[in-house]
Amino acid sequence: MTQFMHMFSRQGNERSETNKVLRSLPYKASIRHKASIRPFDAIFMGQNVDGGPSSSYYCEVCNKELDNKAFQAVIPAHEWNGAWYYETCAECCSREHARDYLSKPEDSWFKHILTEGNPTEVTTANRRFLMLRICVFDVNETLLDLRALDPYFARVFGNAALRPTWFTQMLQTSLVATITDAYTDFGTNGVAALDMLAARQQVTLTAADRQELREGMQHLPPHPDVVASLEQLRSAGFRLTTLTNSTAQVAEAQLANAGLTSYFERIFSADSVHRLKPAPEPYRMVAQQMSVEISNIRLIAAHAWDIAGALRAGCAAAFVARPGAVLDPLVPKPDIVGPDLHSIATQIIEREQSAS
């Protein structure tokens, strides 16, 4: 520590000398700028940091409580006037998370990637790695399989084939509400669509019938290709989020019940801006919240209308052509189209890495 304190106070060859010391440290870490950290603060893996100026005692990625003697941490300072550091548990300390925080535009002129014990100044190659587009997944039908609701429609209406009719009506109701500036949340629209379907089919619904559908929407299974594809993208270093028209509460329950929550950095809901997809506001909100230009996110969806909304808002897009799903011929075709998520993930990795 004395060696570091002395080094930070010097001018001239500080960076090269600091790098020599950094390379000798036996840790891998991700880094983040903390404005509240005092100059010269440095925290090292395994060192007791009790009483540090911004010690949260929780992992800043997964929020797991930390043993203050097992923090992962970092060091070099911007112009040597403040520390770069990021507190995580061992599981979250990875190059993936280093990229998350190193990609902030305002901090891009000089950083270190601390990973696998070999910190290096950001090079052209590293910068390309940091600039992979964020993958933003639609949830219903793209990740989760609505066919799980077929037994419900068979029981209530005597015809499982009415489930797509109900969902289409739900989307139409949502679109009308968005266009006419009379916002109602997606769940309310779903129940309204159910009532409309019941009226057409001359079926009397009970309160229990409506509640059963609400609960069923929160317990949808993932499509068989989902988990492996998310693993594939995450292993390639991509940041993953979701964007759904469902409310945040429903989306969080859906992903938790499907066992998918851990794959996503953030779970976004269009409900937060009171404008449902394909209006541009939800896509813009994701870009703003993730601190990137809208062109640096890629929506992945199995709906032509969602692809259209994303492209026209300025996003890149990837269309999952699940059975029965086709693109709108009046909308430019996205650069990535595939029959399943495995194909989509493979194409994204190849295209983004070659482009970078």
Protein backbone atom coordinates (compact mmCIF):
# COMPACT_ATOMS: atom_id res chain seq x y z
CA MET A 1 0.00 0.00 0.00
CA THR A 2 2.86 2.37 0.82
CA GLN A 3 4.26 1.74 -2.64
CA PHE A 4 0.91 2.66 -4.19
CA MET A 5 0.39 5.78 -2.08
CA HIS A 6 3.83 7.03 -3.06
CA MET A 7 3.23 6.16 -6.70
CA PHE A 8 -0.08 7.99 -6.93
CA SER A 9 1.51 11.15 -5.64
CA ARG A 10 4.14 11.25 -8.35
CA GLN A 11 4.02 12.83 -11.78
CA GLY A 12 5.75 11.76 -15.01
CA ASN A 13 5.95 7.97 -15.32
CA GLU A 14 3.11 7.14 -12.96
CA ARG A 15 1.15 5.02 -15.41
CA SER A 16 3.94 2.71 -16.50
CA GLU A 17 5.15 2.20 -12.93
CA THR A 18 1.62 1.60 -11.70
CA ASN A 19 1.02 -0.92 -14.46
CA LYS A 20 4.09 -2.88 -13.41
CA VAL A 21 2.73 -3.21 -9.90
CA LEU A 22 -0.76 -3.99 -11.17
CA ARG A 23 0.50 -6.83 -13.30
CA SER A 24 2.07 -8.43 -10.25
CA LEU A 25 -1.20 -8.53 -8.31
CA PRO A 26 -2.76 -12.03 -8.15
CA TYR A 27 -6.37 -11.14 -8.79
CA LYS A 28 -8.96 -10.52 -11.45
CA ALA A 29 -11.37 -7.68 -10.95
CA SER A 30 -13.83 -5.40 -12.61
CA ILE A 31 -13.81 -1.69 -12.09
CA ARG A 32 -16.11 1.23 -11.66
CA HIS A 33 -15.65 4.90 -10.97
CA LYS A 34 -16.92 6.01 -7.59
CA ALA A 35 -16.97 9.79 -7.28
CA SER A 36 -17.15 9.56 -3.49
CA ILE A 37 -13.86 7.68 -3.16
CA ARG A 38 -11.01 9.72 -1.77
CA PRO A 39 -7.80 10.06 -3.80
CA PHE A 40 -5.33 7.22 -3.28
CA ASP A 41 -7.93 4.79 -1.90
CA ALA A 42 -7.07 1.33 -3.15
CA ILE A 43 -8.74 -1.91 -2.17
CA PHE A 44 -7.24 -5.28 -2.94
CA MET A 45 -8.68 -8.74 -3.09
CA GLY A 46 -8.52 -10.32 0.36
CA GLN A 47 -7.69 -7.11 2.17
CA ASN A 48 -9.93 -5.97 4.99
CA VAL A 49 -11.66 -2.81 3.81
CA ASP A 50 -13.82 -2.21 6.87
CA GLY A 51 -14.41 1.49 7.25
CA GLY A 52 -13.70 2.34 3.62
CA PRO A 53 -15.41 5.53 2.42
CA SER A 54 -18.00 3.79 0.23
CA SER A 55 -18.03 0.20 1.47
CA SER A 56 -21.53 -1.09 0.78
CA TYR A 57 -21.01 -4.66 2.00
CA TYR A 58 -23.20 -5.83 -0.88
CA CYS A 59 -22.17 -6.99 -4.33
CA GLU A 60 -22.88 -4.17 -6.76
CA VAL A 61 -23.96 -6.67 -9.41
CA CYS A 62 -26.14 -9.26 -7.65
CA ASN A 63 -26.66 -7.50 -4.28
CA LYS A 64 -25.45 -10.50 -2.29
CA GLU A 65 -24.12 -9.53 1.12
CA LEU A 66 -20.33 -9.53 1.14
CA ASP A 67 -17.75 -10.50 3.68
CA ASN A 68 -15.74 -7.30 3.89
CA LYS A 69 -12.55 -9.37 3.82
CA ALA A 70 -13.45 -10.90 0.46
CA PHE A 71 -14.19 -7.85 -1.65
CA GLN A 72 -12.94 -7.87 -5.22
CA ALA A 73 -11.44 -4.52 -6.03
CA VAL A 74 -9.25 -2.31 -8.07
CA ILE A 75 -7.33 0.76 -8.39
CA PRO A 76 -5.86 3.11 -10.89
CA ALA A 77 -7.10 6.63 -10.83
CA HIS A 78 -8.30 8.96 -13.57
CA GLU A 79 -5.48 11.52 -13.74
CA TRP A 80 -4.57 9.98 -10.37
CA ASN A 81 -7.16 12.19 -8.67
CA GLY A 82 -9.65 9.53 -7.65
CA ALA A 83 -9.90 5.77 -7.47
CA TRP A 84 -11.56 3.35 -9.84
CA TYR A 85 -13.14 0.54 -7.96
CA TYR A 86 -16.04 -1.83 -7.93
CA GLU A 87 -17.12 -4.10 -5.10
CA THR A 88 -18.38 -7.54 -6.16
CA CYS A 89 -18.57 -11.08 -4.96
CA ALA A 90 -16.23 -13.58 -6.59
CA GLU A 91 -18.99 -14.98 -8.80
CA CYS A 92 -19.72 -11.61 -10.38
CA CYS A 93 -16.12 -10.52 -10.78
CA SER A 94 -15.52 -11.12 -14.48
CA ARG A 95 -14.55 -9.49 -17.74
CA GLU A 96 -18.23 -9.33 -18.59
CA HIS A 97 -18.90 -6.96 -15.73
CA ALA A 98 -15.69 -5.03 -16.31
CA ARG A 99 -17.05 -4.25 -19.75
CA ASP A 100 -20.36 -3.08 -18.29
CA TYR A 101 -18.73 -0.26 -16.40
CA LEU A 102 -15.81 0.46 -18.68
CA SER A 103 -18.12 1.23 -21.59
CA LYS A 104 -19.39 4.50 -20.10
CA PRO A 105 -18.63 7.17 -22.74
CA GLU A 106 -17.59 9.80 -20.23
CA ASP A 107 -14.93 7.52 -18.79
CA SER A 108 -13.53 6.09 -21.99
CA TRP A 109 -10.26 7.99 -22.50
CA PHE A 110 -8.17 5.87 -20.12
CA LYS A 111 -9.11 2.74 -18.24
CA HIS A 112 -7.71 -0.60 -17.25
CA ILE A 113 -9.39 -3.93 -17.74
CA LEU A 114 -8.42 -5.99 -14.73
CA THR A 115 -9.01 -9.58 -15.63
CA GLU A 116 -7.13 -12.84 -15.30
CA GLY A 117 -4.36 -11.03 -13.49
CA ASN A 118 -3.30 -9.04 -16.58
CA PRO A 119 -4.54 -5.45 -16.47
CA THR A 120 -3.95 -3.61 -19.74
CA GLU A 121 -4.62 -0.14 -20.98
CA VAL A 122 -7.62 -0.08 -23.28
CA THR A 123 -6.41 -0.92 -26.79
CA THR A 124 -8.31 -0.80 -30.07
CA ALA A 125 -9.06 -4.51 -29.71
CA ASN A 126 -10.30 -4.11 -26.15
CA ARG A 127 -12.40 -1.11 -27.09
CA ARG A 128 -14.09 -3.16 -29.82
CA PHE A 129 -14.85 -5.82 -27.22
CA LEU A 130 -16.44 -3.20 -24.99
CA MET A 131 -18.73 -1.92 -27.74
CA LEU A 132 -20.81 -5.04 -28.43
CA ARG A 133 -24.46 -4.13 -28.72
CA ILE A 134 -26.64 -4.84 -25.69
CA CYS A 135 -29.10 -7.66 -26.41
CA VAL A 136 -32.63 -6.66 -25.35
CA PHE A 137 -35.11 -9.53 -25.32
CA ASP A 138 -38.85 -9.40 -25.69
CA VAL A 139 -40.40 -11.82 -23.19
CA ASN A 140 -43.82 -13.20 -24.17
CA GLU A 141 -43.51 -15.68 -27.07
CA THR A 142 -39.86 -14.76 -27.66
CA LEU A 143 -38.52 -16.25 -24.42
CA LEU A 144 -41.65 -17.75 -22.86
CA ASP A 145 -44.00 -20.27 -24.45
CA LEU A 146 -47.63 -19.16 -24.44
CA ARG A 147 -48.69 -22.64 -25.54
CA ALA A 148 -48.68 -23.50 -21.83
CA LEU A 149 -52.00 -21.62 -21.69
CA ASP A 150 -53.66 -23.95 -24.21
CA PRO A 151 -55.22 -26.20 -21.52
CA TYR A 152 -56.82 -23.12 -19.95
CA PHE A 153 -58.46 -22.11 -23.23
CA ALA A 154 -59.52 -25.68 -23.87
CA ARG A 155 -61.23 -25.79 -20.48
CA VAL A 156 -62.85 -22.35 -20.49
CA PHE A 157 -63.76 -22.07 -24.18
CA GLY A 158 -63.63 -25.66 -25.31
CA ASN A 159 -61.00 -24.78 -27.92
CA ALA A 160 -57.25 -24.40 -27.28
CA ALA A 161 -56.86 -22.82 -30.72
CA LEU A 162 -58.49 -19.64 -29.36
CA ARG A 163 -55.39 -18.79 -27.33
CA PRO A 164 -53.64 -17.00 -30.28
CA THR A 165 -56.91 -15.17 -31.01
CA TRP A 166 -56.98 -13.88 -27.44
CA PHE A 167 -53.34 -12.74 -27.55
CA THR A 168 -53.87 -10.97 -30.87
CA GLN A 169 -56.86 -9.14 -29.37
CA MET A 170 -54.72 -8.22 -26.36
CA LEU A 171 -52.13 -6.66 -28.68
CA GLN A 172 -54.80 -4.83 -30.65
CA THR A 173 -56.32 -3.39 -27.47
CA SER A 174 -52.89 -2.28 -26.32
CA LEU A 175 -52.15 -0.67 -29.68
CA VAL A 176 -55.42 1.27 -29.65
CA ALA A 177 -54.74 2.51 -26.12
CA THR A 178 -51.24 3.65 -27.12
CA ILE A 179 -52.31 5.39 -30.32
CA THR A 180 -55.20 7.20 -28.65
CA ASP A 181 -53.16 8.22 -25.58
CA ALA A 182 -55.50 6.39 -23.19
CA TYR A 183 -52.96 4.25 -21.36
CA THR A 184 -53.94 0.99 -19.69
CA ASP A 185 -51.41 -1.58 -18.54
CA PHE A 186 -50.82 -4.79 -20.45
CA GLY A 187 -52.45 -7.03 -17.84
CA THR A 188 -55.63 -4.96 -17.87
CA ASN A 189 -55.64 -5.18 -21.65
CA GLY A 190 -55.27 -8.94 -21.40
CA VAL A 191 -58.33 -9.31 -19.21
CA ALA A 192 -60.30 -6.97 -21.50
CA ALA A 193 -59.29 -9.11 -24.48
CA LEU A 194 -60.45 -12.21 -22.58
CA ASP A 195 -63.83 -10.60 -21.93
CA MET A 196 -64.15 -9.70 -25.63
CA LEU A 197 -63.33 -13.26 -26.63
CA ALA A 198 -65.88 -14.59 -24.15
CA ALA A 199 -68.54 -12.28 -25.58
CA ARG A 200 -67.85 -13.53 -29.10
CA GLN A 201 -67.91 -17.15 -27.97
CA GLN A 202 -70.93 -16.57 -25.73
CA VAL A 203 -69.08 -17.87 -22.71
CA THR A 204 -69.68 -16.55 -19.19
CA LEU A 205 -66.45 -15.92 -17.30
CA THR A 206 -66.07 -16.00 -13.54
CA ALA A 207 -63.68 -13.93 -11.45
CA ALA A 208 -61.74 -17.14 -10.87
CA ASP A 209 -61.39 -17.62 -14.65
CA ARG A 210 -59.86 -14.17 -15.02
CA GLN A 211 -57.51 -14.68 -12.08
CA GLU A 212 -56.41 -18.07 -13.42
CA LEU A 213 -55.31 -16.45 -16.67
CA ARG A 214 -53.38 -13.75 -14.81
CA GLU A 215 -51.59 -16.39 -12.78
CA GLY A 216 -50.99 -18.55 -15.84
CA MET A 217 -49.22 -15.67 -17.57
CA GLN A 218 -46.78 -15.52 -14.66
CA HIS A 219 -45.90 -19.22 -14.86
CA LEU A 220 -44.99 -19.70 -18.51
CA PRO A 221 -42.09 -22.02 -19.31
CA PRO A 222 -39.17 -20.90 -21.48
CA HIS A 223 -38.95 -22.22 -25.03
CA PRO A 224 -36.52 -25.17 -25.21
CA ASP A 225 -33.86 -23.10 -27.03
CA VAL A 226 -33.78 -20.23 -24.54
CA VAL A 227 -31.38 -21.25 -21.77
CA ALA A 228 -28.61 -22.52 -24.04
CA SER A 229 -28.87 -19.43 -26.24
CA LEU A 230 -28.66 -17.04 -23.30
CA GLU A 231 -25.64 -18.97 -22.03
CA GLN A 232 -24.08 -18.73 -25.49
CA LEU A 233 -24.49 -14.95 -25.65
CA ARG A 234 -23.41 -14.34 -22.10
CA SER A 235 -20.32 -16.49 -22.54
CA ALA A 236 -19.42 -14.39 -25.60
CA GLY A 237 -19.47 -11.27 -23.42
CA PHE A 238 -22.83 -9.74 -24.36
CA ARG A 239 -24.90 -7.76 -21.90
CA LEU A 240 -28.47 -9.07 -21.73
CA THR A 241 -31.66 -7.29 -20.69
CA THR A 242 -35.37 -7.69 -21.33
CA LEU A 243 -38.04 -5.25 -22.47
CA THR A 244 -41.67 -6.30 -22.18
CA ASN A 245 -45.08 -4.69 -22.30
CA SER A 246 -46.00 -6.52 -19.09
CA THR A 247 -45.70 -4.56 -15.87
CA ALA A 248 -42.42 -4.82 -14.00
CA GLN A 249 -44.03 -6.92 -11.27
CA VAL A 250 -45.39 -9.43 -13.78
CA ALA A 251 -42.14 -9.51 -15.79
CA GLU A 252 -40.05 -10.17 -12.71
CA ALA A 253 -42.41 -12.99 -11.65
CA GLN A 254 -42.39 -14.47 -15.14
CA LEU A 255 -38.62 -14.60 -15.41
CA ALA A 256 -38.18 -15.83 -11.85
CA ASN A 257 -40.70 -18.63 -12.32
CA ALA A 258 -39.05 -19.59 -15.62
CA GLY A 259 -35.61 -19.67 -13.97
CA LEU A 260 -34.22 -16.95 -16.22
CA THR A 261 -33.69 -13.95 -13.94
CA SER A 262 -29.97 -14.53 -13.42
CA TYR A 263 -29.23 -14.16 -17.13
CA PHE A 264 -30.35 -10.53 -17.30
CA GLU A 265 -28.66 -7.40 -16.09
CA ARG A 266 -31.94 -5.45 -16.07
CA ILE A 267 -35.63 -6.25 -16.53
CA PHE A 268 -37.36 -3.33 -18.26
CA SER A 269 -41.09 -2.71 -18.61
CA ALA A 270 -42.77 -0.38 -21.09
CA ASP A 271 -45.23 0.34 -18.28
CA SER A 272 -42.59 2.59 -16.70
CA VAL A 273 -43.05 5.13 -19.52
CA HIS A 274 -46.79 4.49 -19.96
CA ARG A 275 -46.28 3.81 -23.64
CA LEU A 276 -46.38 0.24 -24.86
CA LYS A 277 -44.26 -1.22 -27.63
CA PRO A 278 -44.06 -0.59 -30.56
CA ALA A 279 -44.14 3.10 -29.57
CA PRO A 280 -40.57 4.47 -29.58
CA GLU A 281 -40.49 5.54 -25.93
CA PRO A 282 -39.84 2.08 -24.40
CA TYR A 283 -36.84 1.42 -26.66
CA ARG A 284 -35.43 4.87 -25.96
CA MET A 285 -35.92 4.32 -22.25
CA VAL A 286 -33.78 1.17 -22.34
CA ALA A 287 -30.96 2.96 -24.15
CA GLN A 288 -31.11 5.83 -21.67
CA GLN A 289 -31.14 3.53 -18.65
CA MET A 290 -28.23 1.51 -20.02
CA SER A 291 -26.27 4.70 -20.83
CA VAL A 292 -25.77 3.87 -24.51
CA GLU A 293 -26.87 5.29 -27.82
CA ILE A 294 -30.04 3.65 -29.09
CA SER A 295 -28.09 2.23 -32.04
CA ASN A 296 -26.05 0.25 -29.51
CA ILE A 297 -28.95 -1.96 -28.44
CA ARG A 298 -30.41 -4.86 -30.39
CA LEU A 299 -33.99 -5.95 -29.80
CA ILE A 300 -34.59 -9.68 -30.14
CA ALA A 301 -38.25 -10.56 -30.69
CA ALA A 302 -40.64 -12.99 -32.32
CA HIS A 303 -43.14 -10.25 -33.25
CA ALA A 304 -43.07 -8.26 -36.50
CA TRP A 305 -44.64 -5.26 -34.78
CA ASP A 306 -41.91 -5.24 -32.10
CA ILE A 307 -39.18 -5.49 -34.73
CA ALA A 308 -40.78 -2.58 -36.61
CA GLY A 309 -40.95 -0.45 -33.48
CA ALA A 310 -37.33 -1.13 -32.58
CA LEU A 311 -35.96 -0.45 -36.06
CA ARG A 312 -37.93 2.77 -36.44
CA ALA A 313 -36.76 3.93 -33.01
CA GLY A 314 -33.15 3.48 -34.15
CA CYS A 315 -32.27 0.09 -32.65
CA ALA A 316 -30.78 -2.91 -34.39
CA ALA A 317 -33.04 -5.96 -34.31
CA ALA A 318 -33.11 -9.74 -34.65
CA PHE A 319 -36.27 -11.61 -35.63
CA VAL A 320 -36.98 -15.03 -34.16
CA ALA A 321 -39.23 -16.69 -36.73
CA ARG A 322 -41.08 -18.99 -34.36
CA PRO A 323 -43.81 -21.14 -35.97
CA GLY A 324 -46.37 -18.87 -37.62
CA ALA A 325 -44.33 -15.69 -37.13
CA VAL A 326 -43.49 -13.66 -40.26
CA LEU A 327 -42.02 -10.23 -40.89
CA ASP A 328 -44.04 -7.24 -42.08
CA PRO A 329 -43.16 -6.62 -45.78
CA LEU A 330 -43.69 -2.87 -45.27
CA VAL A 331 -40.87 -2.70 -42.71
CA PRO A 332 -37.14 -2.99 -43.54
CA LYS A 333 -35.85 -6.46 -42.81
CA PRO A 334 -33.53 -6.68 -39.78
CA ASP A 335 -29.98 -7.83 -40.42
CA ILE A 336 -30.49 -10.97 -38.34
CA VAL A 337 -33.33 -13.46 -38.88
CA GLY A 338 -33.44 -17.05 -37.72
CA PRO A 339 -35.86 -19.89 -36.96
CA ASP A 340 -34.90 -20.15 -33.30
CA LEU A 341 -32.85 -18.46 -30.62
CA HIS A 342 -29.82 -20.68 -31.15
CA SER A 343 -29.57 -19.46 -34.74
CA ILE A 344 -30.12 -15.88 -33.60
CA ALA A 345 -27.43 -16.07 -30.91
CA THR A 346 -24.91 -17.58 -33.31
CA GLN A 347 -25.55 -14.89 -35.92
CA ILE A 348 -25.34 -12.09 -33.35
CA ILE A 349 -21.98 -13.30 -32.09
CA GLU A 350 -20.57 -13.65 -35.60
CA ARG A 351 -21.90 -10.30 -36.83
CA GLU A 352 -21.04 -8.21 -33.76
CA GLN A 353 -17.57 -9.61 -33.31
CA SER A 354 -16.68 -9.31 -36.99
CA ALA A 355 -18.08 -5.76 -37.12
CA SER A 356 -16.07 -4.75 -34.09
